[in-house]
Amino acid sequence: MKRGGRQAGTPNKVTAEMREILQNVLAESLADDIRALTPAERLRLLKYIIPTPAEKEINEYQQPIIIQVPTNL
Protein backbone atom coordinates (compact mmCIF):
# COMPACT_ATOMS: atom_id res chain seq x y z
CA MET A 1 0.00 0.00 0.00
CA LYS A 2 1.35 3.38 -0.99
CA ARG A 3 1.62 6.05 1.69
CA GLY A 4 2.10 9.76 1.11
CA GLY A 5 3.46 11.41 -2.00
CA ARG A 6 1.34 12.77 -4.76
CA GLN A 7 -1.59 10.92 -6.20
CA ALA A 8 -1.34 9.24 -9.58
CA GLY A 9 -1.97 11.70 -12.40
CA THR A 10 -0.98 14.79 -10.41
CA PRO A 11 1.43 16.87 -12.54
CA ASN A 12 4.90 17.56 -11.17
CA LYS A 13 5.15 21.32 -10.41
CA VAL A 14 8.90 21.52 -11.00
CA THR A 15 8.63 19.82 -14.38
CA ALA A 16 5.78 22.12 -15.41
CA GLU A 17 7.74 25.22 -14.33
CA MET A 18 10.88 24.07 -16.19
CA ARG A 19 8.87 23.40 -19.36
CA GLU A 20 7.36 26.88 -19.19
CA ILE A 21 10.78 28.52 -18.68
CA LEU A 22 12.31 26.57 -21.58
CA GLN A 23 9.34 27.35 -23.80
CA ASN A 24 9.70 31.09 -23.10
CA VAL A 25 13.46 31.07 -23.75
CA LEU A 26 13.07 29.12 -26.98
CA ALA A 27 10.21 31.33 -28.16
CA GLU A 28 12.29 34.49 -27.67
CA SER A 29 15.35 32.96 -29.32
CA LEU A 30 13.32 31.62 -32.23
CA ALA A 31 11.63 34.99 -32.77
CA ASP A 32 15.04 36.70 -32.92
CA ASP A 33 16.32 34.09 -35.36
CA ILE A 34 13.29 34.50 -37.63
CA ARG A 35 13.66 38.30 -37.62
CA ALA A 36 17.27 37.85 -38.77
CA LEU A 37 16.20 35.88 -41.86
CA THR A 38 15.69 37.47 -45.25
CA PRO A 39 12.13 37.50 -46.63
CA ALA A 40 13.07 34.75 -49.11
CA GLU A 41 14.35 32.54 -46.30
CA ARG A 42 11.16 33.12 -44.32
CA LEU A 43 9.08 32.06 -47.33
CA ARG A 44 11.02 28.81 -47.56
CA LEU A 45 10.11 28.07 -43.94
CA LEU A 46 6.38 28.36 -44.66
CA LYS A 47 6.24 24.78 -45.90
CA TYR A 48 6.99 23.70 -42.33
CA ILE A 49 4.29 25.94 -40.85
CA ILE A 50 1.40 25.80 -43.31
CA PRO A 51 0.21 22.29 -44.13
CA THR A 52 0.35 21.33 -47.78
CA PRO A 53 -2.99 20.28 -49.26
CA ALA A 54 -3.57 16.64 -50.07
CA GLU A 55 -3.62 15.63 -53.72
CA LYS A 56 -7.40 15.27 -53.60
CA GLU A 57 -7.77 18.87 -52.45
CA ILE A 58 -5.47 20.09 -55.21
CA ASN A 59 -7.50 18.24 -57.86
CA GLU A 60 -10.74 19.77 -56.57
CA TYR A 61 -9.34 23.27 -57.08
CA GLN A 62 -8.12 22.46 -60.59
CA GLN A 63 -11.55 21.46 -61.86
CA PRO A 64 -12.82 23.90 -64.50
CA ILE A 65 -15.70 26.17 -63.61
CA ILE A 66 -18.48 25.88 -66.16
CA ILE A 67 -21.01 28.67 -66.35
CA GLN A 68 -24.04 28.10 -68.53
CA VAL A 69 -25.55 31.21 -70.01
CA PRO A 70 -29.16 30.88 -71.13
CA THR A 71 -29.52 31.56 -74.86
CA ASN A 72 -33.15 32.66 -74.73
CA LEU A 73 -32.63 36.11 -73.21
PDB file of N, CA and C in Angstrom:
ATOM      1  N   MET A   1       0.842  -1.181   0.000  1.00  0.00           N
ATOM      2  CA  MET A   1       0.000   0.000   0.000  1.00  0.00           C
ATOM      3  C   MET A   1       0.882   1.235   0.000  1.00  0.00           C
ATOM      4  N   LYS A   2       0.564   2.154  -0.854  1.00  0.00           N
ATOM      5  CA  LYS A   2       1.348   3.379  -0.992  1.00  0.00           C
ATOM      6  C   LYS A   2       0.924   4.397   0.061  1.00  0.00           C
ATOM      7  N   ARG A   3       1.930   5.033   0.673  1.00  0.00           N
ATOM      8  CA  ARG A   3       1.617   6.051   1.687  1.00  0.00           C
ATOM      9  C   ARG A   3       2.280   7.364   1.297  1.00  0.00           C
ATOM     10  N   GLY A   4       1.537   8.446   1.365  1.00  0.00           N
ATOM     11  CA  GLY A   4       2.099   9.763   1.107  1.00  0.00           C
ATOM     12  C   GLY A   4       2.439   9.987  -0.354  1.00  0.00           C
ATOM     13  N   GLY A   5       3.105  11.074  -0.622  1.00  0.00           N
ATOM     14  CA  GLY A   5       3.465  11.409  -1.999  1.00  0.00           C
ATOM     15  C   GLY A   5       2.266  11.957  -2.753  1.00  0.00           C
ATOM     16  N   ARG A   6       2.467  12.244  -4.005  1.00  0.00           N
ATOM     17  CA  ARG A   6       1.338  12.774  -4.763  1.00  0.00           C
ATOM     18  C   ARG A   6       0.535  11.631  -5.368  1.00  0.00           C
ATOM     19  N   GLN A   7      -0.706  11.927  -5.628  1.00  0.00           N
ATOM     20  CA  GLN A   7      -1.588  10.919  -6.200  1.00  0.00           C
ATOM     21  C   GLN A   7      -1.243  10.705  -7.670  1.00  0.00           C
ATOM     22  N   ALA A   8      -1.593   9.554  -8.181  1.00  0.00           N
ATOM     23  CA  ALA A   8      -1.342   9.240  -9.580  1.00  0.00           C
ATOM     24  C   ALA A   8      -2.072  10.248 -10.469  1.00  0.00           C
ATOM     25  N   GLY A   9      -1.367  10.741 -11.475  1.00  0.00           N
ATOM     26  CA  GLY A   9      -1.969  11.698 -12.396  1.00  0.00           C
ATOM     27  C   GLY A   9      -1.758  13.152 -12.019  1.00  0.00           C
ATOM     28  N   THR A  10      -1.238  13.417 -10.832  1.00  0.00           N
ATOM     29  CA  THR A  10      -0.977  14.788 -10.411  1.00  0.00           C
ATOM     30  C   THR A  10       0.297  15.266 -11.095  1.00  0.00           C
ATOM     31  N   PRO A  11       0.227  16.404 -11.834  1.00  0.00           N
ATOM     32  CA  PRO A  11       1.429  16.870 -12.537  1.00  0.00           C
ATOM     33  C   PRO A  11       2.516  17.327 -11.565  1.00  0.00           C
ATOM     34  N   ASN A  12       3.758  17.133 -11.959  1.00  0.00           N
ATOM     35  CA  ASN A  12       4.896  17.562 -11.174  1.00  0.00           C
ATOM     36  C   ASN A  12       5.088  19.065 -11.378  1.00  0.00           C
ATOM     37  N   LYS A  13       5.052  19.853 -10.307  1.00  0.00           N
ATOM     38  CA  LYS A  13       5.145  21.316 -10.410  1.00  0.00           C
ATOM     39  C   LYS A  13       6.487  21.771 -10.959  1.00  0.00           C
ATOM     40  N   VAL A  14       7.568  21.126 -10.536  1.00  0.00           N
ATOM     41  CA  VAL A  14       8.903  21.520 -10.997  1.00  0.00           C
ATOM     42  C   VAL A  14       9.039  21.277 -12.499  1.00  0.00           C
ATOM     43  N   THR A  15       8.564  20.138 -12.959  1.00  0.00           N
ATOM     44  CA  THR A  15       8.632  19.823 -14.384  1.00  0.00           C
ATOM     45  C   THR A  15       7.819  20.828 -15.186  1.00  0.00           C
ATOM     46  N   ALA A  16       6.634  21.164 -14.711  1.00  0.00           N
ATOM     47  CA  ALA A  16       5.784  22.124 -15.413  1.00  0.00           C
ATOM     48  C   ALA A  16       6.451  23.501 -15.468  1.00  0.00           C
ATOM     49  N   GLU A  17       7.063  23.919 -14.367  1.00  0.00           N
ATOM     50  CA  GLU A  17       7.742  25.219 -14.332  1.00  0.00           C
ATOM     51  C   GLU A  17       8.934  25.231 -15.286  1.00  0.00           C
ATOM     52  N   MET A  18       9.710  24.138 -15.307  1.00  0.00           N
ATOM     53  CA  MET A  18      10.877  24.066 -16.194  1.00  0.00           C
ATOM     54  C   MET A  18      10.444  24.086 -17.659  1.00  0.00           C
ATOM     55  N   ARG A  19       9.368  23.395 -17.986  1.00  0.00           N
ATOM     56  CA  ARG A  19       8.867  23.401 -19.364  1.00  0.00           C
ATOM     57  C   ARG A  19       8.456  24.807 -19.774  1.00  0.00           C
ATOM     58  N   GLU A  20       7.790  25.516 -18.873  1.00  0.00           N
ATOM     59  CA  GLU A  20       7.360  26.881 -19.187  1.00  0.00           C
ATOM     60  C   GLU A  20       8.558  27.805 -19.400  1.00  0.00           C
ATOM     61  N   ILE A  21       9.574  27.694 -18.551  1.00  0.00           N
ATOM     62  CA  ILE A  21      10.780  28.519 -18.679  1.00  0.00           C
ATOM     63  C   ILE A  21      11.483  28.222 -20.003  1.00  0.00           C
ATOM     64  N   LEU A  22      11.658  26.946 -20.320  1.00  0.00           N
ATOM     65  CA  LEU A  22      12.312  26.566 -21.581  1.00  0.00           C
ATOM     66  C   LEU A  22      11.511  27.028 -22.789  1.00  0.00           C
ATOM     67  N   GLN A  23      10.193  26.913 -22.692  1.00  0.00           N
ATOM     68  CA  GLN A  23       9.339  27.351 -23.796  1.00  0.00           C
ATOM     69  C   GLN A  23       9.494  28.852 -24.022  1.00  0.00           C
ATOM     70  N   ASN A  24       9.541  29.646 -22.970  1.00  0.00           N
ATOM     71  CA  ASN A  24       9.700  31.090 -23.104  1.00  0.00           C
ATOM     72  C   ASN A  24      11.064  31.457 -23.698  1.00  0.00           C
ATOM     73  N   VAL A  25      12.116  30.796 -23.229  1.00  0.00           N
ATOM     74  CA  VAL A  25      13.462  31.070 -23.745  1.00  0.00           C
ATOM     75  C   VAL A  25      13.544  30.709 -25.229  1.00  0.00           C
ATOM     76  N   LEU A  26      13.034  29.548 -25.584  1.00  0.00           N
ATOM     77  CA  LEU A  26      13.075  29.119 -26.975  1.00  0.00           C
ATOM     78  C   LEU A  26      12.228  30.010 -27.869  1.00  0.00           C
ATOM     79  N   ALA A  27      11.081  30.461 -27.374  1.00  0.00           N
ATOM     80  CA  ALA A  27      10.209  31.332 -28.164  1.00  0.00           C
ATOM     81  C   ALA A  27      10.905  32.660 -28.464  1.00  0.00           C
ATOM     82  N   GLU A  28      11.565  33.232 -27.463  1.00  0.00           N
ATOM     83  CA  GLU A  28      12.289  34.493 -27.669  1.00  0.00           C
ATOM     84  C   GLU A  28      13.451  34.303 -28.638  1.00  0.00           C
ATOM     85  N   SER A  29      14.204  33.228 -28.456  1.00  0.00           N
ATOM     86  CA  SER A  29      15.350  32.960 -29.319  1.00  0.00           C
ATOM     87  C   SER A  29      14.895  32.698 -30.743  1.00  0.00           C
ATOM     88  N   LEU A  30      13.833  31.929 -30.902  1.00  0.00           N
ATOM     89  CA  LEU A  30      13.319  31.619 -32.232  1.00  0.00           C
ATOM     90  C   LEU A  30      12.804  32.876 -32.929  1.00  0.00           C
ATOM     91  N   ALA A  31      12.126  33.742 -32.191  1.00  0.00           N
ATOM     92  CA  ALA A  31      11.630  34.994 -32.774  1.00  0.00           C
ATOM     93  C   ALA A  31      12.789  35.854 -33.266  1.00  0.00           C
ATOM     94  N   ASP A  32      13.857  35.928 -32.497  1.00  0.00           N
ATOM     95  CA  ASP A  32      15.036  36.698 -32.922  1.00  0.00           C
ATOM     96  C   ASP A  32      15.667  36.089 -34.179  1.00  0.00           C
ATOM     97  N   ASP A  33      15.741  34.760 -34.198  1.00  0.00           N
ATOM     98  CA  ASP A  33      16.321  34.087 -35.363  1.00  0.00           C
ATOM     99  C   ASP A  33      15.479  34.322 -36.616  1.00  0.00           C
ATOM    100  N   ILE A  34      14.176  34.283 -36.479  1.00  0.00           N
ATOM    101  CA  ILE A  34      13.294  34.499 -37.633  1.00  0.00           C
ATOM    102  C   ILE A  34      13.407  35.937 -38.129  1.00  0.00           C
ATOM    103  N   ARG A  35      13.504  36.889 -37.210  1.00  0.00           N
ATOM    104  CA  ARG A  35      13.664  38.297 -37.617  1.00  0.00           C
ATOM    105  C   ARG A  35      14.964  38.504 -38.396  1.00  0.00           C
ATOM    106  N   ALA A  36      15.974  37.712 -38.106  1.00  0.00           N
ATOM    107  CA  ALA A  36      17.271  37.854 -38.769  1.00  0.00           C
ATOM    108  C   ALA A  36      17.277  37.270 -40.184  1.00  0.00           C
ATOM    109  N   LEU A  37      16.258  36.493 -40.526  1.00  0.00           N
ATOM    110  CA  LEU A  37      16.195  35.884 -41.856  1.00  0.00           C
ATOM    111  C   LEU A  37      15.767  36.900 -42.912  1.00  0.00           C
ATOM    112  N   THR A  38      16.159  36.637 -44.130  1.00  0.00           N
ATOM    113  CA  THR A  38      15.691  37.466 -45.248  1.00  0.00           C
ATOM    114  C   THR A  38      14.260  37.039 -45.579  1.00  0.00           C
ATOM    115  N   PRO A  39      13.502  37.898 -46.257  1.00  0.00           N
ATOM    116  CA  PRO A  39      12.132  37.502 -46.628  1.00  0.00           C
ATOM    117  C   PRO A  39      12.086  36.200 -47.434  1.00  0.00           C
ATOM    118  N   ALA A  40      13.037  35.986 -48.322  1.00  0.00           N
ATOM    119  CA  ALA A  40      13.066  34.751 -49.112  1.00  0.00           C
ATOM    120  C   ALA A  40      13.268  33.523 -48.219  1.00  0.00           C
ATOM    121  N   GLU A  41      14.124  33.650 -47.225  1.00  0.00           N
ATOM    122  CA  GLU A  41      14.352  32.539 -46.305  1.00  0.00           C
ATOM    123  C   GLU A  41      13.115  32.259 -45.464  1.00  0.00           C
ATOM    124  N   ARG A  42      12.399  33.300 -45.080  1.00  0.00           N
ATOM    125  CA  ARG A  42      11.159  33.123 -44.325  1.00  0.00           C
ATOM    126  C   ARG A  42      10.117  32.392 -45.157  1.00  0.00           C
ATOM    127  N   LEU A  43      10.042  32.729 -46.443  1.00  0.00           N
ATOM    128  CA  LEU A  43       9.080  32.064 -47.325  1.00  0.00           C
ATOM    129  C   LEU A  43       9.380  30.575 -47.446  1.00  0.00           C
ATOM    130  N   ARG A  44      10.649  30.225 -47.474  1.00  0.00           N
ATOM    131  CA  ARG A  44      11.019  28.812 -47.563  1.00  0.00           C
ATOM    132  C   ARG A  44      10.608  28.045 -46.311  1.00  0.00           C
ATOM    133  N   LEU A  45      10.512  28.732 -45.184  1.00  0.00           N
ATOM    134  CA  LEU A  45      10.107  28.072 -43.941  1.00  0.00           C
ATOM    135  C   LEU A  45       8.605  27.833 -43.870  1.00  0.00           C
ATOM    136  N   LEU A  46       7.833  28.504 -44.710  1.00  0.00           N
ATOM    137  CA  LEU A  46       6.376  28.361 -44.662  1.00  0.00           C
ATOM    138  C   LEU A  46       5.923  26.926 -44.866  1.00  0.00           C
ATOM    139  N   LYS A  47       6.654  26.155 -45.653  1.00  0.00           N
ATOM    140  CA  LYS A  47       6.238  24.781 -45.896  1.00  0.00           C
ATOM    141  C   LYS A  47       6.243  23.945 -44.614  1.00  0.00           C
ATOM    142  N   TYR A  48       6.974  24.403 -43.599  1.00  0.00           N
ATOM    143  CA  TYR A  48       6.987  23.697 -42.326  1.00  0.00           C
ATOM    144  C   TYR A  48       5.912  24.208 -41.372  1.00  0.00           C
ATOM    145  N   ILE A  49       5.295  25.326 -41.715  1.00  0.00           N
ATOM    146  CA  ILE A  49       4.291  25.935 -40.848  1.00  0.00           C
ATOM    147  C   ILE A  49       2.885  25.704 -41.378  1.00  0.00           C
ATOM    148  N   ILE A  50       2.703  25.946 -42.680  1.00  0.00           N
ATOM    149  CA  ILE A  50       1.400  25.803 -43.308  1.00  0.00           C
ATOM    150  C   ILE A  50       1.318  24.415 -43.924  1.00  0.00           C
ATOM    151  N   PRO A  51       0.299  23.642 -43.572  1.00  0.00           N
ATOM    152  CA  PRO A  51       0.211  22.292 -44.133  1.00  0.00           C
ATOM    153  C   PRO A  51      -0.043  22.329 -45.633  1.00  0.00           C
ATOM    154  N   THR A  52       0.570  21.402 -46.335  1.00  0.00           N
ATOM    155  CA  THR A  52       0.354  21.327 -47.778  1.00  0.00           C
ATOM    156  C   THR A  52      -0.939  20.554 -48.027  1.00  0.00           C
ATOM    157  N   PRO A  53      -1.719  20.976 -49.009  1.00  0.00           N
ATOM    158  CA  PRO A  53      -2.986  20.285 -49.259  1.00  0.00           C
ATOM    159  C   PRO A  53      -2.743  18.886 -49.826  1.00  0.00           C
ATOM    160  N   ALA A  54      -3.658  17.997 -49.529  1.00  0.00           N
ATOM    161  CA  ALA A  54      -3.574  16.644 -50.070  1.00  0.00           C
ATOM    162  C   ALA A  54      -3.857  16.691 -51.564  1.00  0.00           C
ATOM    163  N   GLU A  55      -3.454  15.650 -52.278  1.00  0.00           N
ATOM    164  CA  GLU A  55      -3.623  15.634 -53.724  1.00  0.00           C
ATOM    165  C   GLU A  55      -5.097  15.756 -54.109  1.00  0.00           C
ATOM    166  N   LYS A  56      -5.966  15.184 -53.313  1.00  0.00           N
ATOM    167  CA  LYS A  56      -7.400  15.269 -53.596  1.00  0.00           C
ATOM    168  C   LYS A  56      -7.865  16.724 -53.552  1.00  0.00           C
ATOM    169  N   GLU A  57      -7.404  17.459 -52.559  1.00  0.00           N
ATOM    170  CA  GLU A  57      -7.775  18.868 -52.445  1.00  0.00           C
ATOM    171  C   GLU A  57      -7.250  19.669 -53.629  1.00  0.00           C
ATOM    172  N   ILE A  58      -6.050  19.375 -54.083  1.00  0.00           N
ATOM    173  CA  ILE A  58      -5.466  20.089 -55.215  1.00  0.00           C
ATOM    174  C   ILE A  58      -6.308  19.836 -56.462  1.00  0.00           C
ATOM    175  N   ASN A  59      -6.700  18.579 -56.685  1.00  0.00           N
ATOM    176  CA  ASN A  59      -7.500  18.245 -57.860  1.00  0.00           C
ATOM    177  C   ASN A  59      -8.859  18.934 -57.835  1.00  0.00           C
ATOM    178  N   GLU A  60      -9.447  19.098 -56.664  1.00  0.00           N
ATOM    179  CA  GLU A  60     -10.738  19.774 -56.569  1.00  0.00           C
ATOM    180  C   GLU A  60     -10.623  21.226 -57.017  1.00  0.00           C
ATOM    181  N   TYR A  61      -9.530  21.876 -56.695  1.00  0.00           N
ATOM    182  CA  TYR A  61      -9.345  23.273 -57.075  1.00  0.00           C
ATOM    183  C   TYR A  61      -9.020  23.415 -58.564  1.00  0.00           C
ATOM    184  N   GLN A  62      -8.513  22.378 -59.189  1.00  0.00           N
ATOM    185  CA  GLN A  62      -8.121  22.462 -60.586  1.00  0.00           C
ATOM    186  C   GLN A  62      -9.263  22.144 -61.541  1.00  0.00           C
ATOM    187  N   GLN A  63     -10.416  21.759 -61.002  1.00  0.00           N
ATOM    188  CA  GLN A  63     -11.553  21.464 -61.865  1.00  0.00           C
ATOM    189  C   GLN A  63     -12.024  22.753 -62.534  1.00  0.00           C
ATOM    190  N   PRO A  64     -12.356  22.694 -63.810  1.00  0.00           N
ATOM    191  CA  PRO A  64     -12.818  23.904 -64.500  1.00  0.00           C
ATOM    192  C   PRO A  64     -14.191  24.334 -63.989  1.00  0.00           C
ATOM    193  N   ILE A  65     -14.406  25.619 -63.993  1.00  0.00           N
ATOM    194  CA  ILE A  65     -15.696  26.171 -63.606  1.00  0.00           C
ATOM    195  C   ILE A  65     -16.491  26.391 -64.882  1.00  0.00           C
ATOM    196  N   ILE A  66     -17.645  25.759 -64.971  1.00  0.00           N
ATOM    197  CA  ILE A  66     -18.477  25.879 -66.165  1.00  0.00           C
ATOM    198  C   ILE A  66     -19.697  26.721 -65.818  1.00  0.00           C
ATOM    199  N   ILE A  67     -19.863  27.796 -66.548  1.00  0.00           N
ATOM    200  CA  ILE A  67     -21.013  28.673 -66.353  1.00  0.00           C
ATOM    201  C   ILE A  67     -21.875  28.587 -67.596  1.00  0.00           C
ATOM    202  N   GLN A  68     -23.114  28.195 -67.402  1.00  0.00           N
ATOM    203  CA  GLN A  68     -24.042  28.096 -68.530  1.00  0.00           C
ATOM    204  C   GLN A  68     -24.858  29.370 -68.618  1.00  0.00           C
ATOM    205  N   VAL A  69     -24.793  29.980 -69.764  1.00  0.00           N
ATOM    206  CA  VAL A  69     -25.551  31.215 -70.006  1.00  0.00           C
ATOM    207  C   VAL A  69     -26.780  30.844 -70.841  1.00  0.00           C
ATOM    208  N   PRO A  70     -27.955  31.206 -70.374  1.00  0.00           N
ATOM    209  CA  PRO A  70     -29.159  30.882 -71.134  1.00  0.00           C
ATOM    210  C   PRO A  70     -29.147  31.639 -72.473  1.00  0.00           C
ATOM    211  N   THR A  71     -29.555  30.953 -73.524  1.00  0.00           N
ATOM    212  CA  THR A  71     -29.518  31.561 -74.860  1.00  0.00           C
ATOM    213  C   THR A  71     -30.849  32.238 -75.208  1.00  0.00           C
ATOM    214  N   ASN A  72     -31.853  32.099 -74.404  1.00  0.00           N
ATOM    215  CA  ASN A  72     -33.153  32.660 -74.726  1.00  0.00           C
ATOM    216  C   ASN A  72     -33.419  33.997 -74.010  1.00  0.00           C
ATOM    217  N   LEU A  73     -32.436  34.801 -73.869  1.00  0.00           N
ATOM    218  CA  LEU A  73     -32.629  36.109 -73.210  1.00  0.00           C
ATOM    219  C   LEU A  73     -33.148  37.129 -74.134  1.00  0.00           C
TER     220      LEU A  73
END
